[in-house]
Amino acid sequence: MNEFAHYSLDDLLALMAVLRDPEQGCPWDVKQDWHSIVPHTLEEAYEVADVIERRAFDELPSELGDLLFQVVYYSQFAHEEGRFDFQDVIDALMSKMLKRHPHVFPEGTLASRRRNASAAEIENIDRRWEQLKAEERDDRHDQEAGAVLADIPRGLPALTRAAKLTKRASRVGFDWPDTRDVIAKIREELDEVEEALDAADDDHVREEIGDLLFAVVNLARQRKIDPEQALRATNGKFERRFGYVEQALAQSGRTLEEADLAEMDRHWNDAKHRERERNSTEESL
């Protein structure tokens, strides 16, 4: 444990209030508002994901703290404007979680918790969860047109939002019945990209590439794969392999600019081979 281990949530809330004090606070913190903090919130969420994917768990307490600080920030803004405070955030979360877990809290209170849900209840958890979320959406949107997709945040990364849009649509039956149908759609969209390229129409190419990506996201979603996580993993793999290419060339006294594509491709394939051997060795341990 470190020297900060004994601070409490109340201490954190008090710290934020001081940072935001117009006379005694930090000038940077004082000038922040709802919109200026959003990019930092997104960045902190991705840093948490990165730490977990790298399994750098010793870094996780700090990154989770940074993410929690974002919640404290918004709560302070709201408190200053008389909208709500951090306690209201906790109350809203607790109420929602108790309501969404009737198989654990049948009376909607912590005191009503039970043990050993039946097999049938466990099987219906996902269905019931989505039903409760749909009821909450109906309450918020009062059954207006477009309510099925209305609360999916537009600020989400495009791959994540596409997955959520298609998942929500699939809940009401708007989905391909078979994975092979999605693959056929991907091939169809790829053909349309080629047609747009042949026509040298940049706007059309942009549109068709978007359609192709959307179809690929559908495939990932059907296979219960998070497309954002999958692409982040591929980004990491590309970085490792390209770094190997750069290092291999440097060891032979050459730069990337001096090498031709065939030479870089040989080192790339060597990097792939080494990764497969390493993964095979780790799996056998």
Protein backbone atom coordinates (compact mmCIF):
# COMPACT_ATOMS: atom_id res chain seq x y z
CA MET A 1 0.00 0.00 0.00
CA ASN A 2 1.24 3.51 -0.68
CA GLU A 3 1.09 6.77 1.29
CA PHE A 4 -2.24 7.72 -0.32
CA ALA A 5 -4.04 4.50 0.63
CA HIS A 6 -6.02 6.00 3.51
CA TYR A 7 -7.72 8.84 1.65
CA SER A 8 -11.49 8.52 1.34
CA LEU A 9 -14.05 9.39 -1.30
CA ASP A 10 -15.03 12.38 0.82
CA ASP A 11 -11.43 13.58 0.60
CA LEU A 12 -11.57 13.31 -3.18
CA LEU A 13 -14.81 15.28 -3.38
CA ALA A 14 -13.33 17.94 -1.09
CA LEU A 15 -10.21 18.13 -3.26
CA MET A 16 -12.31 18.72 -6.36
CA ALA A 17 -14.28 21.47 -4.65
CA VAL A 18 -11.01 23.23 -3.77
CA LEU A 19 -9.61 22.81 -7.30
CA ARG A 20 -12.77 24.46 -8.66
CA ASP A 21 -12.78 27.32 -6.17
CA PRO A 22 -12.65 30.56 -8.20
CA GLU A 23 -10.35 32.26 -5.69
CA GLN A 24 -8.15 29.50 -4.27
CA GLY A 25 -8.40 26.78 -6.89
CA CYS A 26 -6.30 25.74 -9.87
CA PRO A 27 -6.77 28.10 -12.85
CA TRP A 28 -6.88 25.19 -15.29
CA ASP A 29 -9.55 23.33 -13.32
CA VAL A 30 -11.60 26.47 -12.74
CA LYS A 31 -11.93 27.18 -16.47
CA GLN A 32 -13.10 23.67 -17.38
CA ASP A 33 -16.73 22.94 -18.27
CA TRP A 34 -18.96 20.04 -19.31
CA HIS A 35 -17.71 19.99 -22.89
CA SER A 36 -14.01 20.58 -22.28
CA ILE A 37 -13.72 17.53 -20.03
CA VAL A 38 -15.38 15.04 -22.41
CA PRO A 39 -12.20 14.34 -24.46
CA HIS A 40 -10.32 13.64 -21.22
CA THR A 41 -13.06 11.23 -20.10
CA LEU A 42 -12.79 9.27 -23.34
CA GLU A 43 -9.01 9.22 -23.11
CA GLU A 44 -9.08 7.93 -19.53
CA ALA A 45 -11.53 5.17 -20.45
CA TYR A 46 -9.24 4.01 -23.25
CA GLU A 47 -6.24 4.10 -20.94
CA VAL A 48 -8.07 1.75 -18.55
CA ALA A 49 -8.81 -0.58 -21.47
CA ASP A 50 -5.18 -0.41 -22.62
CA VAL A 51 -3.83 -1.33 -19.18
CA ILE A 52 -6.19 -4.31 -18.93
CA GLU A 53 -5.37 -5.53 -22.44
CA ARG A 54 -1.64 -5.27 -21.63
CA ARG A 55 -2.34 -7.00 -18.30
CA ALA A 56 -0.35 -4.23 -16.58
CA PHE A 57 -2.44 -4.56 -13.45
CA ASP A 58 0.02 -2.66 -11.29
CA GLU A 59 -0.93 0.43 -13.34
CA LEU A 60 -4.67 -0.18 -13.02
CA PRO A 61 -5.37 1.53 -9.66
CA SER A 62 -3.95 4.79 -10.97
CA GLU A 63 -5.85 4.59 -14.27
CA LEU A 64 -9.12 3.68 -12.55
CA GLY A 65 -8.55 6.64 -10.25
CA ASP A 66 -8.14 8.93 -13.27
CA LEU A 67 -11.43 7.60 -14.66
CA LEU A 68 -13.21 8.06 -11.32
CA PHE A 69 -11.90 11.63 -11.23
CA GLN A 70 -13.89 12.31 -14.41
CA VAL A 71 -17.11 11.30 -12.63
CA VAL A 72 -16.17 13.57 -9.74
CA TYR A 73 -15.58 16.40 -12.20
CA TYR A 74 -19.06 16.14 -13.73
CA SER A 75 -20.63 15.80 -10.30
CA GLN A 76 -18.88 19.01 -9.20
CA PHE A 77 -20.13 20.88 -12.29
CA ALA A 78 -23.66 19.72 -11.51
CA HIS A 79 -23.35 20.64 -7.82
CA GLU A 80 -22.21 24.15 -8.74
CA GLU A 81 -25.22 24.56 -11.03
CA GLY A 82 -27.68 23.09 -8.52
CA ARG A 83 -28.51 20.09 -10.72
CA PHE A 84 -27.32 17.11 -8.64
CA ASP A 85 -24.28 15.95 -6.69
CA PHE A 86 -22.12 12.83 -6.33
CA GLN A 87 -24.58 11.24 -3.92
CA ASP A 88 -27.29 11.49 -6.58
CA VAL A 89 -24.97 9.64 -8.98
CA ILE A 90 -24.57 6.81 -6.46
CA ASP A 91 -28.32 6.74 -5.74
CA ALA A 92 -29.19 6.56 -9.45
CA LEU A 93 -26.66 3.77 -10.03
CA MET A 94 -27.80 1.74 -7.03
CA SER A 95 -31.47 2.06 -7.95
CA LYS A 96 -30.80 0.99 -11.51
CA MET A 97 -28.62 -2.00 -10.57
CA LEU A 98 -31.09 -3.23 -7.93
CA LYS A 99 -33.92 -3.00 -10.45
CA ARG A 100 -31.95 -4.77 -13.18
CA HIS A 101 -31.02 -7.72 -10.94
CA PRO A 102 -34.36 -9.05 -9.66
CA HIS A 103 -32.84 -12.56 -9.66
CA VAL A 104 -30.45 -11.35 -6.95
CA PHE A 105 -32.56 -8.65 -5.23
CA PRO A 106 -36.18 -9.79 -5.67
CA GLU A 107 -37.59 -6.88 -3.67
CA GLY A 108 -35.29 -4.30 -5.19
CA THR A 109 -33.32 -3.68 -1.99
CA LEU A 110 -29.89 -4.77 -0.73
CA ALA A 111 -31.56 -6.45 2.24
CA SER A 112 -33.64 -8.67 -0.04
CA ARG A 113 -30.67 -10.42 -1.64
CA ARG A 114 -30.96 -14.13 -2.19
CA ARG A 115 -28.67 -16.99 -3.12
CA ASN A 116 -28.66 -19.71 -5.77
CA ALA A 117 -30.79 -18.47 -8.64
CA SER A 118 -32.45 -21.31 -10.55
CA ALA A 119 -31.11 -22.54 -13.90
CA ALA A 120 -34.14 -21.03 -15.65
CA GLU A 121 -33.51 -17.65 -14.01
CA ILE A 122 -29.85 -17.71 -15.03
CA GLU A 123 -30.83 -18.53 -18.62
CA ASN A 124 -33.22 -15.57 -18.67
CA ILE A 125 -30.81 -13.01 -17.15
CA ASP A 126 -29.70 -11.52 -20.47
CA ARG A 127 -33.26 -11.39 -21.80
CA ARG A 128 -34.58 -9.77 -18.64
CA TRP A 129 -31.69 -7.26 -18.59
CA GLU A 130 -32.51 -6.11 -22.13
CA GLN A 131 -36.22 -5.97 -21.31
CA LEU A 132 -35.59 -3.72 -18.30
CA LYS A 133 -33.30 -1.46 -20.35
CA ALA A 134 -36.00 -1.24 -23.04
CA GLU A 135 -38.58 -0.25 -20.41
CA GLU A 136 -36.22 2.48 -19.18
CA ARG A 137 -35.79 3.73 -22.75
CA ASP A 138 -39.54 3.80 -23.22
CA ASP A 139 -39.90 5.87 -20.07
CA ARG A 140 -37.28 8.35 -21.28
CA HIS A 141 -38.49 8.65 -24.87
CA ASP A 142 -42.22 8.19 -24.32
CA GLN A 143 -42.53 5.87 -27.33
CA GLU A 144 -41.51 8.50 -29.91
CA ALA A 145 -40.46 7.35 -33.38
CA GLY A 146 -36.87 6.12 -33.41
CA ALA A 147 -36.80 5.30 -29.70
CA VAL A 148 -35.19 1.88 -30.30
CA LEU A 149 -31.87 3.48 -31.28
CA ALA A 150 -32.35 6.92 -29.76
CA ASP A 151 -30.18 6.60 -26.65
CA ILE A 152 -27.05 5.13 -28.24
CA PRO A 153 -24.49 7.93 -27.72
CA ARG A 154 -23.23 9.61 -30.88
CA GLY A 155 -19.90 10.29 -29.24
CA LEU A 156 -18.95 6.61 -29.09
CA PRO A 157 -16.13 5.38 -31.33
CA ALA A 158 -17.66 4.51 -34.70
CA LEU A 159 -16.95 0.77 -34.48
CA THR A 160 -18.45 0.54 -30.99
CA ARG A 161 -21.52 2.55 -31.98
CA ALA A 162 -22.05 0.44 -35.10
CA ALA A 163 -21.98 -2.70 -32.96
CA LYS A 164 -24.48 -1.22 -30.52
CA LEU A 165 -26.79 -0.05 -33.32
CA THR A 166 -26.87 -3.47 -34.97
CA LYS A 167 -27.21 -5.29 -31.65
CA ARG A 168 -30.17 -3.12 -30.67
CA ALA A 169 -31.81 -3.60 -34.09
CA SER A 170 -31.29 -7.36 -33.83
CA ARG A 171 -33.29 -7.39 -30.59
CA VAL A 172 -36.41 -6.51 -32.58
CA GLY A 173 -35.68 -9.02 -35.35
CA PHE A 174 -33.78 -6.81 -37.79
CA ASP A 175 -30.82 -9.10 -38.39
CA TRP A 176 -29.42 -11.73 -40.74
CA PRO A 177 -30.43 -15.23 -39.66
CA ASP A 178 -27.03 -16.77 -40.40
CA THR A 179 -23.39 -15.70 -40.24
CA ARG A 180 -22.95 -16.79 -43.87
CA ASP A 181 -25.47 -14.13 -44.88
CA VAL A 182 -23.27 -11.50 -43.22
CA ILE A 183 -20.22 -12.79 -45.09
CA ALA A 184 -22.17 -12.58 -48.35
CA LYS A 185 -23.04 -8.97 -47.46
CA ILE A 186 -19.35 -8.21 -46.84
CA ARG A 187 -18.49 -9.57 -50.29
CA GLU A 188 -21.30 -7.52 -51.81
CA GLU A 189 -20.04 -4.35 -50.14
CA LEU A 190 -16.46 -5.07 -51.24
CA ASP A 191 -17.68 -5.41 -54.84
CA GLU A 192 -19.37 -2.02 -54.50
CA VAL A 193 -16.13 -0.49 -53.20
CA GLU A 194 -14.36 -1.77 -56.32
CA GLU A 195 -17.08 -0.34 -58.55
CA ALA A 196 -16.74 3.05 -56.87
CA LEU A 197 -12.96 2.92 -57.30
CA ASP A 198 -13.37 2.10 -60.99
CA ALA A 199 -15.67 5.11 -61.32
CA ALA A 200 -13.06 7.32 -59.60
CA ASP A 201 -15.79 8.81 -57.42
CA ASP A 202 -14.17 9.69 -54.08
CA ASP A 203 -17.44 10.48 -52.31
CA HIS A 204 -18.90 7.17 -53.43
CA VAL A 205 -15.74 5.32 -52.39
CA ARG A 206 -15.99 6.88 -48.91
CA GLU A 207 -19.63 5.83 -48.62
CA GLU A 208 -18.98 2.26 -49.77
CA ILE A 209 -15.99 1.82 -47.45
CA GLY A 210 -18.27 2.90 -44.61
CA ASP A 211 -20.82 0.29 -45.69
CA LEU A 212 -18.08 -2.35 -45.83
CA LEU A 213 -16.89 -1.51 -42.32
CA PHE A 214 -20.46 -1.61 -41.04
CA ALA A 215 -20.94 -5.08 -42.53
CA VAL A 216 -17.70 -6.31 -40.92
CA VAL A 217 -18.89 -4.95 -37.56
CA ASN A 218 -22.07 -6.98 -38.02
CA LEU A 219 -19.97 -10.12 -38.47
CA ALA A 220 -18.00 -9.35 -35.30
CA ARG A 221 -21.20 -8.67 -33.37
CA GLN A 222 -22.78 -11.94 -34.51
CA ARG A 223 -19.70 -13.80 -33.32
CA LYS A 224 -19.85 -11.91 -29.99
CA ILE A 225 -16.55 -10.15 -30.72
CA ASP A 226 -16.10 -6.52 -29.71
CA PRO A 227 -14.90 -4.86 -32.94
CA GLU A 228 -13.14 -2.04 -31.09
CA GLN A 229 -11.15 -4.51 -28.99
CA ALA A 230 -10.40 -6.64 -32.04
CA LEU A 231 -9.07 -3.66 -33.98
CA ARG A 232 -7.04 -2.43 -31.00
CA ALA A 233 -5.43 -5.87 -30.80
CA THR A 234 -4.63 -5.73 -34.51
CA ASN A 235 -3.20 -2.23 -34.12
CA GLY A 236 -0.90 -3.57 -31.42
CA LYS A 237 0.12 -6.50 -33.59
CA PHE A 238 0.89 -4.16 -36.50
CA GLU A 239 3.01 -1.95 -34.24
CA ARG A 240 5.02 -4.92 -32.94
CA ARG A 241 5.66 -6.36 -36.39
CA PHE A 242 6.51 -3.03 -37.99
CA GLY A 243 8.87 -2.31 -35.10
CA TYR A 244 10.57 -5.63 -35.78
CA VAL A 245 10.98 -4.70 -39.46
CA GLU A 246 12.54 -1.39 -38.48
CA GLN A 247 14.92 -3.03 -36.00
CA ALA A 248 15.91 -5.80 -38.42
CA LEU A 249 16.78 -3.24 -41.08
CA ALA A 250 18.72 -1.14 -38.57
CA GLN A 251 20.79 -4.19 -37.58
CA SER A 252 21.85 -4.54 -41.22
CA GLY A 253 22.70 -0.85 -41.40
CA ARG A 254 19.71 0.12 -43.48
CA THR A 255 16.73 2.44 -42.99
CA LEU A 256 13.11 2.00 -43.98
CA GLU A 257 13.58 4.54 -46.74
CA GLU A 258 16.50 2.56 -48.20
CA ALA A 259 14.68 -0.79 -48.18
CA ASP A 260 12.28 -1.89 -50.89
CA LEU A 261 8.87 -3.45 -50.23
CA ALA A 262 10.09 -7.01 -50.86
CA GLU A 263 12.80 -6.66 -48.21
CA MET A 264 10.40 -5.18 -45.67
CA ASP A 265 7.91 -7.94 -46.44
CA ARG A 266 10.54 -10.62 -45.71
CA HIS A 267 11.19 -9.14 -42.27
CA TRP A 268 7.43 -8.79 -41.71
CA ASN A 269 6.91 -12.50 -42.41
CA ASP A 270 9.81 -13.31 -40.09
CA ALA A 271 8.10 -11.28 -37.35
CA LYS A 272 4.86 -13.23 -37.91
CA HIS A 273 6.75 -16.54 -37.74
CA ARG A 274 8.49 -15.57 -34.50
CA GLU A 275 5.18 -14.49 -32.92
CA ARG A 276 3.54 -17.79 -33.81
CA GLU A 277 6.45 -19.75 -32.37
CA ARG A 278 6.37 -17.67 -29.17
CA ASN A 279 2.60 -18.07 -28.82
CA SER A 280 2.87 -21.80 -29.40
CA THR A 281 5.55 -22.07 -26.72
CA GLU A 282 3.47 -20.06 -24.22
CA GLU A 283 0.38 -22.21 -24.86
CA SER A 284 2.37 -25.38 -24.21
CA LEU A 285 3.66 -24.16 -20.82
